[in-house]
C-alpha atoms as a PDB file:
ATOM      1  CA  MET A   1     192.461 114.128  -8.736  1.00  0.00           C
ATOM      2  CA  TRP A   2     194.180 116.353 -11.330  1.00  0.00           C
ATOM      3  CA  ASP A   3     197.618 116.800  -9.324  1.00  0.00           C
ATOM      4  CA  PHE A   4     197.494 113.313  -9.043  1.00  0.00           C
ATOM      5  CA  ILE A   5     197.106 112.644 -12.771  1.00  0.00           C
ATOM      6  CA  ASP A   6     199.752 115.347 -13.679  1.00  0.00           C
ATOM      7  CA  GLU A   7     202.365 113.952 -11.240  1.00  0.00           C
ATOM      8  CA  ARG A   8     201.977 110.720 -12.996  1.00  0.00           C
ATOM      9  CA  LYS A   9     201.020 111.743 -16.793  1.00  0.00           C
ATOM     10  CA  SER A  10     203.890 109.917 -18.378  1.00  0.00           C
ATOM     11  CA  GLN A  11     203.342 106.692 -16.723  1.00  0.00           C
ATOM     12  CA  ILE A  12     199.518 106.929 -17.501  1.00  0.00           C
ATOM     13  CA  ALA A  13     199.905 107.587 -21.108  1.00  0.00           C
ATOM     14  CA  PHE A  14     202.588 104.370 -21.154  1.00  0.00           C
ATOM     15  CA  ASN A  15     200.294 102.150 -19.320  1.00  0.00           C
ATOM     16  CA  THR A  16     197.110 103.331 -21.755  1.00  0.00           C
ATOM     17  CA  TYR A  17     199.446 102.330 -24.417  1.00  0.00           C
ATOM     18  CA  GLN A  18     200.426  99.089 -22.936  1.00  0.00           C
ATOM     19  CA  HIS A  19     196.455  98.341 -22.445  1.00  0.00           C
ATOM     20  CA  ALA A  20     195.463  99.364 -25.965  1.00  0.00           C
ATOM     21  CA  SER A  21     198.591  97.310 -27.629  1.00  0.00           C
ATOM     22  CA  LEU A  22     197.555  94.289 -25.193  1.00  0.00           C
ATOM     23  CA  VAL A  23     194.054  94.007 -26.628  1.00  0.00           C
ATOM     24  CA  ILE A  24     194.829  94.770 -30.016  1.00  0.00           C
ATOM     25  CA  GLN A  25     197.366  92.260 -30.265  1.00  0.00           C
ATOM     26  CA  SER A  26     194.978  90.074 -28.627  1.00  0.00           C
ATOM     27  CA  VAL A  27     191.984  90.519 -30.838  1.00  0.00           C
ATOM     28  CA  LEU A  28     194.047  90.186 -34.086  1.00  0.00           C
ATOM     29  CA  VAL A  29     195.291  86.719 -33.011  1.00  0.00           C
ATOM     30  CA  ALA A  30     191.674  85.963 -31.839  1.00  0.00           C
ATOM     31  CA  THR A  31     190.216  86.684 -35.290  1.00  0.00           C
ATOM     32  CA  VAL A  32     192.554  84.515 -37.063  1.00  0.00           C
ATOM     33  CA  ILE A  33     192.181  81.653 -34.815  1.00  0.00           C
ATOM     34  CA  ALA A  34     188.546  82.134 -34.752  1.00  0.00           C
ATOM     35  CA  VAL A  35     188.019  82.846 -38.560  1.00  0.00           C
ATOM     36  CA  GLY A  36     190.217  79.345 -39.139  1.00  0.00           C
ATOM     37  CA  ILE A  37     188.071  77.282 -36.699  1.00  0.00           C
ATOM     38  CA  ALA A  38     185.029  78.700 -38.101  1.00  0.00           C
ATOM     39  CA  VAL A  39     185.937  77.928 -41.642  1.00  0.00           C
ATOM     40  CA  LEU A  40     186.576  74.142 -40.391  1.00  0.00           C
ATOM     41  CA  LEU A  41     183.137  74.045 -38.576  1.00  0.00           C
ATOM     42  CA  VAL A  42     181.424  74.803 -41.665  1.00  0.00           C
ATOM     43  CA  ARG A  43     183.000  71.846 -43.523  1.00  0.00           C
ATOM     44  CA  ALA A  44     182.474  69.489 -40.680  1.00  0.00           C
ATOM     45  CA  PRO A  45     179.065  70.606 -39.278  1.00  0.00           C
ATOM     46  CA  ARG A  46     179.038  67.622 -36.794  1.00  0.00           C
ATOM     47  CA  LEU A  47     181.627  69.617 -35.068  1.00  0.00           C
ATOM     48  CA  GLN A  48     179.619  72.588 -34.495  1.00  0.00           C
ATOM     49  CA  GLY A  49     177.840  71.349 -31.264  1.00  0.00           C
ATOM     50  CA  VAL A  50     181.061  70.357 -29.667  1.00  0.00           C
ATOM     51  CA  ALA A  51     182.238  74.037 -30.435  1.00  0.00           C
ATOM     52  CA  ASN A  52     179.003  75.739 -29.249  1.00  0.00           C
ATOM     53  CA  ILE A  53     179.770  73.864 -25.962  1.00  0.00           C
ATOM     54  CA  VAL A  54     183.209  74.893 -25.557  1.00  0.00           C
ATOM     55  CA  SER A  55     182.155  78.450 -26.609  1.00  0.00           C
ATOM     56  CA  ALA A  56     179.649  78.541 -23.691  1.00  0.00           C
ATOM     57  CA  ILE A  57     181.759  76.929 -21.515  1.00  0.00           C
ATOM     58  CA  GLY A  58     184.575  79.630 -21.907  1.00  0.00           C
ATOM     59  CA  LEU A  59     182.229  82.691 -21.376  1.00  0.00           C
ATOM     60  CA  THR A  60     180.736  81.445 -18.204  1.00  0.00           C
ATOM     61  CA  LEU A  61     184.435  80.467 -16.911  1.00  0.00           C
ATOM     62  CA  PRO A  62     185.624  83.157 -14.503  1.00  0.00           C
ATOM     63  CA  SER A  63     188.665  84.869 -15.662  1.00  0.00           C
ATOM     64  CA  PHE A  64     190.603  84.695 -12.390  1.00  0.00           C
ATOM     65  CA  ALA A  65     189.763  80.857 -12.607  1.00  0.00           C
ATOM     66  CA  LEU A  66     191.364  80.922 -16.417  1.00  0.00           C
ATOM     67  CA  ILE A  67     194.146  82.581 -15.064  1.00  0.00           C
ATOM     68  CA  GLY A  68     194.920  80.510 -11.998  1.00  0.00           C
ATOM     69  CA  ILE A  69     195.114  77.626 -14.523  1.00  0.00           C
ATOM     70  CA  LEU A  70     197.427  79.320 -16.595  1.00  0.00           C
ATOM     71  CA  LEU A  71     199.827  80.369 -13.875  1.00  0.00           C
ATOM     72  CA  PRO A  72     201.490  76.975 -13.298  1.00  0.00           C
ATOM     73  CA  LEU A  73     201.932  76.644 -17.129  1.00  0.00           C
ATOM     74  CA  THR A  74     203.102  79.886 -17.849  1.00  0.00           C
ATOM     75  CA  SER A  75     203.891  81.824 -14.512  1.00  0.00           C
ATOM     76  CA  ILE A  76     203.143  85.838 -13.745  1.00  0.00           C
ATOM     77  CA  GLY A  77     203.656  87.906 -16.422  1.00  0.00           C
ATOM     78  CA  PRO A  78     202.476  89.385 -19.588  1.00  0.00           C
ATOM     79  CA  THR A  79     202.561  85.857 -21.524  1.00  0.00           C
ATOM     80  CA  THR A  80     199.766  84.742 -19.109  1.00  0.00           C
ATOM     81  CA  ALA A  81     197.602  87.851 -19.609  1.00  0.00           C
ATOM     82  CA  PHE A  82     198.011  87.516 -23.420  1.00  0.00           C
ATOM     83  CA  ILE A  83     196.766  84.262 -23.493  1.00  0.00           C
ATOM     84  CA  ALA A  84     193.860  84.828 -21.083  1.00  0.00           C
ATOM     85  CA  VAL A  85     192.842  87.645 -23.273  1.00  0.00           C
ATOM     86  CA  THR A  86     192.918  86.231 -26.073  1.00  0.00           C
ATOM     87  CA  PHE A  87     191.303  83.026 -25.023  1.00  0.00           C
ATOM     88  CA  TYR A  88     188.231  85.392 -24.299  1.00  0.00           C
ATOM     89  CA  ALA A  89     188.476  87.438 -27.242  1.00  0.00           C
ATOM     90  CA  VAL A  90     188.039  84.164 -29.717  1.00  0.00           C
ATOM     91  CA  LEU A  91     184.628  83.366 -28.447  1.00  0.00           C
ATOM     92  CA  PRO A  92     182.713  85.720 -29.511  1.00  0.00           C
ATOM     93  CA  ILE A  93     184.342  86.033 -33.029  1.00  0.00           C
ATOM     94  CA  LEU A  94     184.003  82.331 -33.338  1.00  0.00           C
ATOM     95  CA  ARG A  95     180.412  82.732 -32.753  1.00  0.00           C
ATOM     96  CA  ASN A  96     180.038  85.202 -35.312  1.00  0.00           C
ATOM     97  CA  ALA A  97     182.303  83.583 -37.889  1.00  0.00           C
ATOM     98  CA  VAL A  98     180.335  80.390 -37.794  1.00  0.00           C
ATOM     99  CA  VAL A  99     177.100  82.436 -38.208  1.00  0.00           C
ATOM    100  CA  GLY A 100     178.255  84.600 -40.851  1.00  0.00           C
ATOM    101  CA  LEU A 101     179.989  81.917 -43.048  1.00  0.00           C
ATOM    102  CA  ARG A 102     176.944  79.868 -42.769  1.00  0.00           C
ATOM    103  CA  GLY A 103     174.677  82.663 -43.793  1.00  0.00           C
ATOM    104  CA  VAL A 104     176.295  82.893 -46.997  1.00  0.00           C
ATOM    105  CA  ASP A 105     173.721  81.770 -49.758  1.00  0.00           C
ATOM    106  CA  ALA A 106     174.653  78.754 -51.193  1.00  0.00           C
ATOM    107  CA  THR A 107     173.770  79.927 -55.035  1.00  0.00           C
ATOM    108  CA  LEU A 108     176.393  82.473 -54.781  1.00  0.00           C
ATOM    109  CA  LEU A 109     178.829  79.890 -54.251  1.00  0.00           C
ATOM    110  CA  GLU A 110     177.368  77.425 -56.656  1.00  0.00           C
ATOM    111  CA  SER A 111     178.061  80.680 -59.305  1.00  0.00           C
ATOM    112  CA  ALA A 112     181.812  80.897 -58.050  1.00  0.00           C
ATOM    113  CA  ARG A 113     182.732  77.020 -58.393  1.00  0.00           C
ATOM    114  CA  GLY A 114     180.623  77.574 -62.087  1.00  0.00           C
ATOM    115  CA  MET A 115     183.258  80.063 -62.931  1.00  0.00           C
ATOM    116  CA  GLY A 116     186.146  77.822 -62.135  1.00  0.00           C
ATOM    117  CA  MET A 117     187.089  78.899 -58.464  1.00  0.00           C
ATOM    118  CA  SER A 118     188.883  76.844 -56.312  1.00  0.00           C
ATOM    119  CA  GLU A 119     187.489  76.186 -52.779  1.00  0.00           C
ATOM    120  CA  LEU A 120     190.020  78.064 -50.953  1.00  0.00           C
ATOM    121  CA  THR A 121     189.572  81.046 -53.903  1.00  0.00           C
ATOM    122  CA  SER A 122     185.642  80.977 -53.591  1.00  0.00           C
ATOM    123  CA  LEU A 123     186.415  80.984 -49.535  1.00  0.00           C
ATOM    124  CA  TRP A 124     188.625  84.058 -49.964  1.00  0.00           C
ATOM    125  CA  ARG A 125     186.687  86.116 -52.906  1.00  0.00           C
ATOM    126  CA  VAL A 126     183.141  85.004 -51.763  1.00  0.00           C
ATOM    127  CA  ARG A 127     182.454  83.738 -48.462  1.00  0.00           C
ATOM    128  CA  LEU A 128     184.554  85.574 -46.329  1.00  0.00           C
ATOM    129  CA  PRO A 129     183.531  89.128 -47.646  1.00  0.00           C
ATOM    130  CA  LEU A 130     180.054  88.479 -47.496  1.00  0.00           C
ATOM    131  CA  ALA A 131     180.612  86.918 -44.025  1.00  0.00           C
ATOM    132  CA  TRP A 132     182.806  89.899 -42.785  1.00  0.00           C
ATOM    133  CA  PRO A 133     180.278  92.110 -41.365  1.00  0.00           C
ATOM    134  CA  VAL A 134     178.792  89.646 -38.987  1.00  0.00           C
ATOM    135  CA  ILE A 135     182.501  88.553 -37.998  1.00  0.00           C
ATOM    136  CA  PHE A 136     183.550  92.442 -37.633  1.00  0.00           C
ATOM    137  CA  ALA A 137     180.456  92.731 -35.388  1.00  0.00           C
ATOM    138  CA  GLY A 138     181.884  89.890 -33.407  1.00  0.00           C
ATOM    139  CA  VAL A 139     185.380  91.782 -33.342  1.00  0.00           C
ATOM    140  CA  ARG A 140     183.788  94.801 -31.866  1.00  0.00           C
ATOM    141  CA  VAL A 141     182.250  93.016 -29.018  1.00  0.00           C
ATOM    142  CA  SER A 142     185.545  91.004 -28.469  1.00  0.00           C
ATOM    143  CA  THR A 143     187.215  94.502 -28.329  1.00  0.00           C
ATOM    144  CA  GLN A 144     185.170  95.554 -25.565  1.00  0.00           C
ATOM    145  CA  MET A 145     185.308  92.631 -23.783  1.00  0.00           C
ATOM    146  CA  ALA A 146     189.229  92.291 -24.116  1.00  0.00           C
ATOM    147  CA  MET A 147     189.469  95.687 -22.255  1.00  0.00           C
ATOM    148  CA  GLY A 148     187.715  94.471 -19.196  1.00  0.00           C
ATOM    149  CA  ILE A 149     189.833  91.054 -19.096  1.00  0.00           C
ATOM    150  CA  ALA A 150     192.800  93.076 -19.900  1.00  0.00           C
ATOM    151  CA  ALA A 151     192.264  95.128 -16.614  1.00  0.00           C
ATOM    152  CA  ILE A 152     191.809  91.584 -14.434  1.00  0.00           C
ATOM    153  CA  ALA A 153     195.087  90.392 -16.314  1.00  0.00           C
ATOM    154  CA  ALA A 154     197.080  93.115 -14.206  1.00  0.00           C
ATOM    155  CA  TYR A 155     196.474  90.675 -11.220  1.00  0.00           C
ATOM    156  CA  VAL A 156     199.514  88.767 -12.477  1.00  0.00           C
ATOM    157  CA  LYS A 157     201.684  91.497 -13.405  1.00  0.00           C
ATOM    158  CA  GLY A 158     200.018  92.059 -16.915  1.00  0.00           C
ATOM    159  CA  PRO A 159     200.644  95.630 -18.949  1.00  0.00           C
ATOM    160  CA  GLY A 160     197.751  97.960 -18.673  1.00  0.00           C
ATOM    161  CA  LEU A 161     195.907 100.399 -16.599  1.00  0.00           C
ATOM    162  CA  GLY A 162     194.480  97.220 -14.725  1.00  0.00           C
ATOM    163  CA  GLU A 163     197.478  98.083 -12.438  1.00  0.00           C
ATOM    164  CA  TYR A 164     196.118 101.364 -10.983  1.00  0.00           C
ATOM    165  CA  ILE A 165     192.753  99.526 -10.067  1.00  0.00           C
ATOM    166  CA  PHE A 166     194.386  96.850  -8.196  1.00  0.00           C
ATOM    167  CA  THR A 167     196.843  99.521  -6.758  1.00  0.00           C
ATOM    168  CA  GLY A 168     193.593 101.196  -5.320  1.00  0.00           C
ATOM    169  CA  LEU A 169     192.088  98.293  -3.992  1.00  0.00           C
ATOM    170  CA  THR A 170     195.277  97.031  -2.218  1.00  0.00           C
ATOM    171  CA  GLN A 171     195.481 100.981  -0.534  1.00  0.00           C
ATOM    172  CA  ILE A 172     191.968 101.296   0.219  1.00  0.00           C
ATOM    173  CA  GLY A 173     192.098 103.850   3.164  1.00  0.00           C
ATOM    174  CA  GLY A 174     194.865 105.591   1.622  1.00  0.00           C
ATOM    175  CA  ALA A 175     195.272 109.035   0.633  1.00  0.00           C
ATOM    176  CA  ASN A 176     195.539 107.798  -3.323  1.00  0.00           C
ATOM    177  CA  ALA A 177     193.443 104.850  -3.304  1.00  0.00           C
ATOM    178  CA  ILE A 178     190.360 106.406  -5.142  1.00  0.00           C
ATOM    179  CA  ASN A 179     192.643 108.366  -7.612  1.00  0.00           C
ATOM    180  CA  TYR A 180     194.166 105.150  -8.779  1.00  0.00           C
ATOM    181  CA  ALA A 181     190.948 103.205  -8.780  1.00  0.00           C
ATOM    182  CA  VAL A 182     189.489 106.291 -11.001  1.00  0.00           C
ATOM    183  CA  VAL A 183     192.227 106.550 -13.082  1.00  0.00           C
ATOM    184  CA  GLY A 184     192.463 103.138 -13.995  1.00  0.00           C
ATOM    185  CA  THR A 185     188.490 102.649 -14.628  1.00  0.00           C
ATOM    186  CA  VAL A 186     188.047 105.706 -16.594  1.00  0.00           C
ATOM    187  CA  GLY A 187     191.288 105.324 -18.810  1.00  0.00           C
ATOM    188  CA  ILE A 188     189.871 102.007 -19.688  1.00  0.00           C
ATOM    189  CA  ILE A 189     186.605 102.964 -20.682  1.00  0.00           C
ATOM    190  CA  LEU A 190     188.357 105.924 -22.756  1.00  0.00           C
ATOM    191  CA  VAL A 191     190.360 103.665 -24.272  1.00  0.00           C
ATOM    192  CA  ALA A 192     187.258 101.247 -25.062  1.00  0.00           C
ATOM    193  CA  LEU A 193     185.776 104.063 -26.408  1.00  0.00           C
ATOM    194  CA  VAL A 194     188.457 105.261 -28.734  1.00  0.00           C
ATOM    195  CA  ALA A 195     188.673 101.699 -29.955  1.00  0.00           C
ATOM    196  CA  ASP A 196     185.365 101.475 -30.825  1.00  0.00           C
ATOM    197  CA  ALA A 197     185.199 104.605 -33.156  1.00  0.00           C
ATOM    198  CA  LEU A 198     188.216 103.325 -34.887  1.00  0.00           C
ATOM    199  CA  LEU A 199     186.647  99.999 -35.718  1.00  0.00           C
ATOM    200  CA  LEU A 200     183.497 101.875 -36.938  1.00  0.00           C
ATOM    201  CA  LEU A 201     186.028 103.781 -39.039  1.00  0.00           C
ATOM    202  CA  LEU A 202     187.989 100.331 -40.242  1.00  0.00           C
ATOM    203  CA  GLY A 203     184.410  98.512 -41.024  1.00  0.00           C
ATOM    204  CA  ARG A 204     183.726 101.303 -43.668  1.00  0.00           C
ATOM    205  CA  PHE A 205     186.849 100.470 -45.179  1.00  0.00           C
ATOM    206  CA  THR A 206     186.439  96.589 -44.909  1.00  0.00           C
ATOM    207  CA  ILE A 207     183.042  95.993 -45.617  1.00  0.00           C
ATOM    208  CA  SER A 208     181.616  96.658 -49.141  1.00  0.00           C
ATOM    209  CA  LYS A 209     179.100  99.501 -49.659  1.00  0.00           C
ATOM    210  CA  GLY A 210     176.947  96.737 -50.787  1.00  0.00           C
ATOM    211  CA  ILE A 211     176.298  94.752 -48.107  1.00  0.00           C
ATOM    212  CA  ARG A 212     177.041  97.384 -45.310  1.00  0.00           C
ATOM    213  CA  ALA A 213     174.076  97.880 -43.133  1.00  0.00           C
END
């Protein structure tokens, strides 16, 4: 195993970087999309039921099925992987964003309007900061889920460590089959742990001490 890693350490390091990069980019885009949709849902409560149904269907949709739907549109490559990971990353953040934004005390919003704040200013300076701890919890869940989805996305030549897992599966019985699978799996777990630790640190800088759990 150690000889296997030593011989391929440069490629493993590059694939690890690609895996982390794919997840980070997908979650960032997913956060913007999810918060934007959540703001619209808070302003139009009648649409929340539809959003919940779509979110529930999305979470139960097998990733291979989604990839199969995307292939005729985006073909094999990183674009399909990015769209698939982003799609799944949106769902936990969206649910948390709706809960967080709806949970802001109406009295505080009234006070903000009484101080002359516009709807947009009130959203940016009052509602989003107060809802951010709940939204951020969704971002953490989304990031961990995206790590696994990114591995599956390697099936369509997406970047990352999933390539090692699929290589190991296709070489079952071969000398290095287990090595490939173990390196891919353990690598994803380590990247996920590091990412969560960094998110915890980010939370300390982005969540006000007064509302930090």
